[in-house]
C-alpha atoms as a PDB file:
ATOM      1  CA  MET A   1     -10.624 -10.509  -1.562  1.00  0.00           C
ATOM      2  CA  ALA A   2      -9.417  -6.975  -2.691  1.00  0.00           C
ATOM      3  CA  GLY A   3      -6.655  -5.072  -1.138  1.00  0.00           C
ATOM      4  CA  GLN A   4      -3.804  -2.623  -1.581  1.00  0.00           C
ATOM      5  CA  LEU A   5      -0.441  -4.173  -2.438  1.00  0.00           C
ATOM      6  CA  LEU A   6       2.946  -2.842  -2.892  1.00  0.00           C
ATOM      7  CA  LEU A   7       5.267  -4.405  -5.477  1.00  0.00           C
ATOM      8  CA  VAL A   8       8.911  -3.940  -5.367  1.00  0.00           C
ATOM      9  CA  ASP A   9      11.092  -5.329  -8.231  1.00  0.00           C
ATOM     10  CA  ASP A  10      13.862  -3.950 -10.296  1.00  0.00           C
ATOM     11  CA  GLU A  11      12.744  -5.902 -13.517  1.00  0.00           C
ATOM     12  CA  PRO A  12      10.344  -3.719 -15.424  1.00  0.00           C
ATOM     13  CA  GLY A  13       8.881  -6.645 -17.555  1.00  0.00           C
ATOM     14  CA  LEU A  14       8.109  -8.833 -14.487  1.00  0.00           C
ATOM     15  CA  ARG A  15       6.921  -5.879 -12.617  1.00  0.00           C
ATOM     16  CA  GLN A  16       4.328  -4.878 -15.194  1.00  0.00           C
ATOM     17  CA  ALA A  17       3.172  -8.339 -15.837  1.00  0.00           C
ATOM     18  CA  VAL A  18       2.650  -9.157 -12.194  1.00  0.00           C
ATOM     19  CA  GLN A  19       0.988  -5.851 -11.668  1.00  0.00           C
ATOM     20  CA  ALA A  20      -1.561  -6.393 -14.563  1.00  0.00           C
ATOM     21  CA  TYR A  21      -2.261  -9.784 -13.427  1.00  0.00           C
ATOM     22  CA  LEU A  22      -2.964  -8.844  -9.796  1.00  0.00           C
ATOM     23  CA  GLU A  23      -5.041  -5.920 -10.927  1.00  0.00           C
ATOM     24  CA  GLU A  24      -7.267  -8.324 -12.981  1.00  0.00           C
ATOM     25  CA  ASP A  25      -8.080 -10.071  -9.735  1.00  0.00           C
ATOM     26  CA  GLY A  26      -9.249  -6.659  -8.139  1.00  0.00           C
ATOM     27  CA  PHE A  27      -6.144  -5.646  -6.273  1.00  0.00           C
ATOM     28  CA  THR A  28      -4.754  -2.211  -6.384  1.00  0.00           C
ATOM     29  CA  VAL A  29      -1.108  -2.395  -6.877  1.00  0.00           C
ATOM     30  CA  HIS A  30       1.579   0.299  -6.410  1.00  0.00           C
ATOM     31  CA  THR A  31       5.003  -0.408  -7.813  1.00  0.00           C
ATOM     32  CA  ALA A  32       8.476   0.464  -7.034  1.00  0.00           C
ATOM     33  CA  SER A  33      11.564  -0.248  -9.107  1.00  0.00           C
ATOM     34  CA  ASN A  34      13.837  -0.599  -5.997  1.00  0.00           C
ATOM     35  CA  ALA A  35      13.816  -0.897  -2.233  1.00  0.00           C
ATOM     36  CA  ARG A  36      14.482   2.821  -1.562  1.00  0.00           C
ATOM     37  CA  GLU A  37      11.601   3.722  -3.896  1.00  0.00           C
ATOM     38  CA  GLY A  38       9.456   1.157  -2.009  1.00  0.00           C
ATOM     39  CA  TRP A  39      10.311   2.615   1.377  1.00  0.00           C
ATOM     40  CA  ASP A  40       9.405   6.165   0.152  1.00  0.00           C
ATOM     41  CA  MET A  41       6.129   4.839  -1.212  1.00  0.00           C
ATOM     42  CA  LEU A  42       5.326   3.313   2.206  1.00  0.00           C
ATOM     43  CA  GLN A  43       5.353   6.693   3.794  1.00  0.00           C
ATOM     44  CA  ARG A  44       2.568   7.811   1.238  1.00  0.00           C
ATOM     45  CA  ILE A  45       0.387   4.726   1.151  1.00  0.00           C
ATOM     46  CA  SER A  46      -0.915   1.876   3.648  1.00  0.00           C
ATOM     47  CA  PRO A  47      -0.726  -1.306   1.744  1.00  0.00           C
ATOM     48  CA  ASP A  48      -2.149  -4.543   3.055  1.00  0.00           C
ATOM     49  CA  LEU A  49       0.693  -6.519   1.811  1.00  0.00           C
ATOM     50  CA  VAL A  50       4.214  -6.127   0.251  1.00  0.00           C
ATOM     51  CA  ILE A  51       5.609  -8.213  -2.567  1.00  0.00           C
ATOM     52  CA  SER A  52       9.352  -7.859  -2.854  1.00  0.00           C
ATOM     53  CA  ASP A  53      12.245  -9.269  -5.117  1.00  0.00           C
ATOM     54  CA  ILE A  54      15.222 -10.180  -3.074  1.00  0.00           C
ATOM     55  CA  MET A  55      18.074  -9.644  -5.571  1.00  0.00           C
ATOM     56  CA  MET A  56      18.018  -5.953  -6.095  1.00  0.00           C
ATOM     57  CA  PRO A  57      20.852  -3.308  -6.523  1.00  0.00           C
ATOM     58  CA  GLN A  58      22.065  -1.170  -3.522  1.00  0.00           C
ATOM     59  CA  VAL A  59      19.393  -2.421  -1.060  1.00  0.00           C
ATOM     60  CA  ASP A  60      18.471  -6.112  -1.326  1.00  0.00           C
ATOM     61  CA  GLY A  61      15.249  -7.659  -0.179  1.00  0.00           C
ATOM     62  CA  TYR A  62      16.571  -8.983   3.128  1.00  0.00           C
ATOM     63  CA  GLN A  63      17.775  -5.330   3.980  1.00  0.00           C
ATOM     64  CA  PHE A  64      14.439  -3.955   2.919  1.00  0.00           C
ATOM     65  CA  LEU A  65      12.489  -6.516   4.957  1.00  0.00           C
ATOM     66  CA  LYS A  66      14.838  -5.751   8.152  1.00  0.00           C
ATOM     67  CA  GLN A  67      14.066  -2.041   7.744  1.00  0.00           C
ATOM     68  CA  LEU A  68      10.317  -2.880   7.728  1.00  0.00           C
ATOM     69  CA  ARG A  69      10.447  -5.039  10.750  1.00  0.00           C
ATOM     70  CA  GLU A  70      12.466  -2.579  12.846  1.00  0.00           C
ATOM     71  CA  ASP A  71       9.833   0.121  12.216  1.00  0.00           C
ATOM     72  CA  PRO A  72       6.853  -0.222  14.446  1.00  0.00           C
ATOM     73  CA  ARG A  73       4.500   0.968  11.746  1.00  0.00           C
ATOM     74  CA  PHE A  74       5.329  -1.911   9.369  1.00  0.00           C
ATOM     75  CA  GLU A  75       6.497  -4.627  11.854  1.00  0.00           C
ATOM     76  CA  ALA A  76       3.292  -6.640  11.317  1.00  0.00           C
ATOM     77  CA  LEU A  77       3.030  -5.930   7.460  1.00  0.00           C
ATOM     78  CA  PRO A  78       2.892  -9.265   5.387  1.00  0.00           C
ATOM     79  CA  VAL A  79       5.662  -9.589   2.968  1.00  0.00           C
ATOM     80  CA  ILE A  80       6.143 -12.200   0.184  1.00  0.00           C
ATOM     81  CA  PHE A  81       9.417 -12.695  -1.424  1.00  0.00           C
ATOM     82  CA  LEU A  82       9.961 -13.197  -5.042  1.00  0.00           C
ATOM     83  CA  THR A  83      13.418 -14.610  -6.075  1.00  0.00           C
ATOM     84  CA  ALA A  84      15.246 -16.616  -8.666  1.00  0.00           C
ATOM     85  CA  ARG A  85      17.053 -18.302  -5.883  1.00  0.00           C
ATOM     86  CA  GLY A  86      15.215 -21.432  -4.892  1.00  0.00           C
ATOM     87  CA  MET A  87      17.640 -23.119  -2.633  1.00  0.00           C
ATOM     88  CA  THR A  88      16.308 -24.436   0.807  1.00  0.00           C
ATOM     89  CA  SER A  89      18.886 -22.288   2.652  1.00  0.00           C
ATOM     90  CA  ASP A  90      17.635 -19.181   0.999  1.00  0.00           C
ATOM     91  CA  ARG A  91      14.035 -19.916   1.924  1.00  0.00           C
ATOM     92  CA  ILE A  92      15.087 -20.542   5.554  1.00  0.00           C
ATOM     93  CA  SER A  93      16.959 -17.055   5.273  1.00  0.00           C
ATOM     94  CA  GLY A  94      13.789 -15.457   4.029  1.00  0.00           C
ATOM     95  CA  TYR A  95      11.473 -16.887   6.769  1.00  0.00           C
ATOM     96  CA  ASN A  96      14.003 -16.140   9.489  1.00  0.00           C
ATOM     97  CA  ALA A  97      14.085 -12.667   8.297  1.00  0.00           C
ATOM     98  CA  GLY A  98      10.512 -12.392   8.869  1.00  0.00           C
ATOM     99  CA  CYS A  99       8.847 -12.975   5.504  1.00  0.00           C
ATOM    100  CA  ASP A 100       5.449 -14.631   5.280  1.00  0.00           C
ATOM    101  CA  ALA A 101       5.742 -16.470   2.017  1.00  0.00           C
ATOM    102  CA  TYR A 102       8.506 -17.182  -0.538  1.00  0.00           C
ATOM    103  CA  LEU A 103       8.002 -17.837  -4.369  1.00  0.00           C
ATOM    104  CA  SER A 104      10.808 -18.888  -6.650  1.00  0.00           C
ATOM    105  CA  LYS A 105      11.054 -17.398 -10.109  1.00  0.00           C
ATOM    106  CA  PRO A 106       9.568 -18.410 -12.676  1.00  0.00           C
ATOM    107  CA  PHE A 107       6.333 -18.930 -10.895  1.00  0.00           C
ATOM    108  CA  ASP A 108       2.580 -19.445 -11.784  1.00  0.00           C
ATOM    109  CA  PRO A 109       0.784 -16.006 -11.317  1.00  0.00           C
ATOM    110  CA  ASP A 110      -2.202 -17.918 -10.242  1.00  0.00           C
ATOM    111  CA  GLU A 111       0.017 -19.388  -7.188  1.00  0.00           C
ATOM    112  CA  LEU A 112       0.873 -15.725  -6.319  1.00  0.00           C
ATOM    113  CA  VAL A 113      -2.576 -14.660  -6.361  1.00  0.00           C
ATOM    114  CA  ALA A 114      -3.644 -17.551  -4.240  1.00  0.00           C
ATOM    115  CA  ILE A 115      -0.932 -16.896  -1.843  1.00  0.00           C
ATOM    116  CA  VAL A 116      -1.810 -13.110  -1.400  1.00  0.00           C
ATOM    117  CA  THR A 117      -5.485 -13.904  -0.980  1.00  0.00           C
ATOM    118  CA  SER A 118      -4.744 -16.739   1.655  1.00  0.00           C
ATOM    119  CA  ILE A 119      -2.434 -14.260   3.596  1.00  0.00           C
ATOM    120  CA  LEU A 120      -4.955 -11.479   3.589  1.00  0.00           C
ATOM    121  CA  GLU A 121      -8.018 -13.624   4.369  1.00  0.00           C
ATOM    122  CA  ARG A 122      -6.104 -15.330   7.264  1.00  0.00           C
ATOM    123  CA  ARG A 123      -4.901 -12.110   8.636  1.00  0.00           C
ATOM    124  CA  ALA A 124      -8.321 -10.519   8.373  1.00  0.00           C
ATOM    125  CA  ALA A 125      -9.924 -13.610  10.322  1.00  0.00           C
ATOM    126  CA  ALA A 126      -7.027 -13.388  12.857  1.00  0.00           C
ATOM    127  CA  ALA A 127      -7.515  -9.536  13.404  1.00  0.00           C
ATOM    128  CA  LYS A 128     -11.093 -10.111  14.052  1.00  0.00           C
ATOM    129  CA  VAL A 129     -10.228 -12.583  16.793  1.00  0.00           C
ATOM    130  CA  ALA A 130      -7.523 -10.556  18.047  1.00  0.00           C
ATOM    131  CA  ALA A 131      -9.707  -7.335  18.254  1.00  0.00           C
ATOM    132  CA  GLY A 132     -10.894  -8.422  21.696  1.00  0.00           C
ATOM    133  CA  ASP A 133     -12.160  -4.987  22.472  1.00  0.00           C
ATOM    134  CA  GLY A 134     -14.354  -4.378  19.398  1.00  0.00           C
ATOM    135  CA  GLU A 135     -17.876  -5.150  18.279  1.00  0.00           C
ATOM    136  CA  GLU A 136     -16.633  -7.800  15.628  1.00  0.00           C
ATOM    137  CA  ILE A 137     -16.006 -10.475  18.301  1.00  0.00           C
ATOM    138  CA  ASP A 138     -18.684 -12.091  20.330  1.00  0.00           C
ATOM    139  CA  ILE A 139     -18.426 -10.855  24.006  1.00  0.00           C
ATOM    140  CA  ALA A 140     -19.569 -14.164  25.452  1.00  0.00           C
ATOM    141  CA  ASP A 141     -16.784 -15.874  23.457  1.00  0.00           C
ATOM    142  CA  LEU A 142     -14.126 -13.372  24.780  1.00  0.00           C
ATOM    143  CA  ALA A 143     -15.331 -13.632  28.220  1.00  0.00           C
ATOM    144  CA  LYS A 144     -14.843 -17.530  27.938  1.00  0.00           C
ATOM    145  CA  GLN A 145     -11.315 -17.079  26.654  1.00  0.00           C
ATOM    146  CA  MET A 146     -10.336 -14.602  29.356  1.00  0.00           C
ATOM    147  CA  ALA A 147     -11.742 -16.942  32.012  1.00  0.00           C
ATOM    148  CA  GLU A 148      -9.809 -19.913  30.350  1.00  0.00           C
ATOM    149  CA  ILE A 149      -6.532 -17.735  30.393  1.00  0.00           C
ATOM    150  CA  LYS A 150      -6.987 -16.899  34.082  1.00  0.00           C
ATOM    151  CA  ALA A 151      -7.561 -20.568  34.899  1.00  0.00           C
ATOM    152  CA  MET A 152      -4.381 -21.522  32.993  1.00  0.00           C
ATOM    153  CA  LEU A 153      -2.554 -18.847  34.793  1.00  0.00           C
ATOM    154  CA  THR A 154      -3.505 -20.320  38.179  1.00  0.00           C
ATOM    155  CA  GLN A 155      -2.643 -23.835  37.057  1.00  0.00           C
ATOM    156  CA  ARG A 156       0.545 -23.024  35.169  1.00  0.00           C
ATOM    157  CA  SER A 157       2.854 -24.931  37.433  1.00  0.00           C
ATOM    158  CA  GLY A 158       0.972 -28.013  36.172  1.00  0.00           C
ATOM    159  CA  ILE A 159       1.658 -27.222  32.457  1.00  0.00           C
ATOM    160  CA  ILE A 160       4.391 -29.450  31.033  1.00  0.00           C
ATOM    161  CA  GLN A 161       6.958 -27.364  29.079  1.00  0.00           C
ATOM    162  CA  THR A 162       8.491 -28.653  25.946  1.00  0.00           C
ATOM    163  CA  PRO A 163      10.640 -26.911  23.334  1.00  0.00           C
ATOM    164  CA  ALA A 164       8.891 -25.061  20.576  1.00  0.00           C
ATOM    165  CA  PRO A 165       8.606 -27.328  17.447  1.00  0.00           C
ATOM    166  CA  ILE A 166      10.260 -24.545  15.452  1.00  0.00           C
ATOM    167  CA  LYS A 167      12.687 -21.652  16.345  1.00  0.00           C
ATOM    168  CA  LEU A 168      10.307 -18.607  16.641  1.00  0.00           C
ATOM    169  CA  ASP A 169      11.886 -15.203  16.247  1.00  0.00           C
ATOM    170  CA  PHE A 170       9.678 -12.658  17.938  1.00  0.00           C
ATOM    171  CA  THR A 171      10.428  -8.974  17.515  1.00  0.00           C
ATOM    172  CA  PRO A 172      10.849  -7.184  20.908  1.00  0.00           C
ATOM    173  CA  ARG A 173       7.345  -5.640  20.558  1.00  0.00           C
ATOM    174  CA  GLU A 174       5.851  -9.056  19.636  1.00  0.00           C
ATOM    175  CA  GLN A 175       7.279 -10.550  22.771  1.00  0.00           C
ATOM    176  CA  SER A 176       6.162  -7.782  24.916  1.00  0.00           C
ATOM    177  CA  VAL A 177       2.542  -8.177  23.454  1.00  0.00           C
ATOM    178  CA  LEU A 178       2.917 -11.761  24.028  1.00  0.00           C
ATOM    179  CA  GLU A 179       3.740 -11.262  27.829  1.00  0.00           C
ATOM    180  CA  LEU A 180       0.883  -9.062  28.423  1.00  0.00           C
ATOM    181  CA  VAL A 181      -1.674 -11.303  26.618  1.00  0.00           C
ATOM    182  CA  ALA A 182      -0.264 -14.277  28.772  1.00  0.00           C
ATOM    183  CA  GLN A 183      -1.185 -11.924  31.821  1.00  0.00           C
ATOM    184  CA  GLY A 184      -4.713 -11.991  30.808  1.00  0.00           C
ATOM    185  CA  LEU A 185      -4.775  -8.257  29.675  1.00  0.00           C
ATOM    186  CA  MET A 186      -7.144  -6.913  27.036  1.00  0.00           C
ATOM    187  CA  ASN A 187      -5.973  -5.096  24.092  1.00  0.00           C
ATOM    188  CA  LYS A 188      -6.917  -1.780  25.337  1.00  0.00           C
ATOM    189  CA  GLU A 189      -4.923  -2.463  28.581  1.00  0.00           C
ATOM    190  CA  ILE A 190      -1.955  -3.742  26.525  1.00  0.00           C
ATOM    191  CA  ALA A 191      -2.019  -0.536  24.217  1.00  0.00           C
ATOM    192  CA  ARG A 192      -2.027   1.770  27.302  1.00  0.00           C
ATOM    193  CA  ARG A 193       0.834  -0.342  28.688  1.00  0.00           C
ATOM    194  CA  LEU A 194       3.018  -0.136  25.591  1.00  0.00           C
ATOM    195  CA  GLU A 195       1.743   3.471  24.652  1.00  0.00           C
ATOM    196  CA  THR A 196       0.578   2.543  21.208  1.00  0.00           C
ATOM    197  CA  SER A 197      -2.690   2.133  19.540  1.00  0.00           C
ATOM    198  CA  VAL A 198      -5.265  -0.663  19.935  1.00  0.00           C
ATOM    199  CA  ARG A 199      -5.036  -1.150  16.298  1.00  0.00           C
ATOM    200  CA  ASN A 200      -1.331  -1.772  16.460  1.00  0.00           C
ATOM    201  CA  VAL A 201      -1.845  -4.315  19.310  1.00  0.00           C
ATOM    202  CA  GLU A 202      -4.447  -6.124  17.130  1.00  0.00           C
ATOM    203  CA  LYS A 203      -1.862  -6.429  14.384  1.00  0.00           C
ATOM    204  CA  TYR A 204       0.943  -7.802  16.900  1.00  0.00           C
ATOM    205  CA  VAL A 205      -1.719 -10.386  18.312  1.00  0.00           C
ATOM    206  CA  SER A 206      -2.467 -11.347  14.727  1.00  0.00           C
ATOM    207  CA  ARG A 207       1.090 -11.951  13.861  1.00  0.00           C
ATOM    208  CA  LEU A 208       1.565 -13.981  16.961  1.00  0.00           C
ATOM    209  CA  PHE A 209      -1.400 -16.141  15.828  1.00  0.00           C
ATOM    210  CA  SER A 210       0.351 -16.556  12.510  1.00  0.00           C
ATOM    211  CA  LYS A 211       3.756 -17.297  13.897  1.00  0.00           C
ATOM    212  CA  THR A 212       2.553 -19.908  16.464  1.00  0.00           C
ATOM    213  CA  GLY A 213      -0.288 -21.416  14.392  1.00  0.00           C
ATOM    214  CA  THR A 214      -2.873 -20.703  16.906  1.00  0.00           C
ATOM    215  CA  ASN A 215      -6.364 -19.158  16.481  1.00  0.00           C
ATOM    216  CA  SER A 216      -7.540 -17.634  19.677  1.00  0.00           C
ATOM    217  CA  ARG A 217      -5.983 -15.888  22.679  1.00  0.00           C
ATOM    218  CA  THR A 218      -6.633 -19.096  24.707  1.00  0.00           C
ATOM    219  CA  GLU A 219      -4.648 -21.321  22.280  1.00  0.00           C
ATOM    220  CA  LEU A 220      -1.886 -18.509  21.966  1.00  0.00           C
ATOM    221  CA  VAL A 221      -1.418 -18.342  25.777  1.00  0.00           C
ATOM    222  CA  ARG A 222      -1.342 -22.240  26.200  1.00  0.00           C
ATOM    223  CA  TYR A 223       1.188 -22.483  23.392  1.00  0.00           C
ATOM    224  CA  ALA A 224       3.408 -19.772  25.139  1.00  0.00           C
ATOM    225  CA  LEU A 225       3.202 -21.459  28.472  1.00  0.00           C
ATOM    226  CA  GLU A 226       3.951 -24.943  27.153  1.00  0.00           C
ATOM    227  CA  HIS A 227       6.970 -23.791  25.211  1.00  0.00           C
ATOM    228  CA  GLY A 228       8.133 -21.354  27.766  1.00  0.00           C
ATOM    229  CA  LEU A 229       7.577 -18.272  25.486  1.00  0.00           C
ATOM    230  CA  ALA A 230       6.116 -16.157  28.380  1.00  0.00           C
ATOM    231  CA  ASN A 231       6.911 -15.865  31.898  1.00  0.00           C
END
């Protein structure tokens, strides 16, 4: 699967090697030598995914990711961390910060390609399901999902709540979208309520699918109700 990638790493040799390997697999790779340069580049291009080192001077990967997640334009942009720090605590910190994958150096380039491809394919599939209002999704299937959601909402008192199996950190915008999806609203209605674009709503719903391990709006709403994630 081809796509546009942004690679941010302060090691020239590794940056060039990874760029060459990814481009051999058909990806278009833009590079930056530090987080500030990467941020400036994001204003000019629209990558499908960011690959970033963690240990960088001035602005490290965690700070860079925080900056991305606080900006509505990049809140749902997939990020893979590359780092020489492979401790479990470091990986947990990376995931808690909102990264989508974590790869310790040295790594096999084929593994990186596999991770990038998997994330992009999964998000493309989720976006198709999340579209809700577009031509890509089957109207009958969407109607069935919405009917199931409405039925769940009328029977929500009978749904047994249990703690989520893992701690889920939703951004404020993701939480808002989740609340509205759980009310049975379509993407156009959600976009109107939140004063954003339908495309952005699709990205938020896709990210909610990824974080909760669900594959449809019905599954997402049930998961949210069962774990007390939506009112």
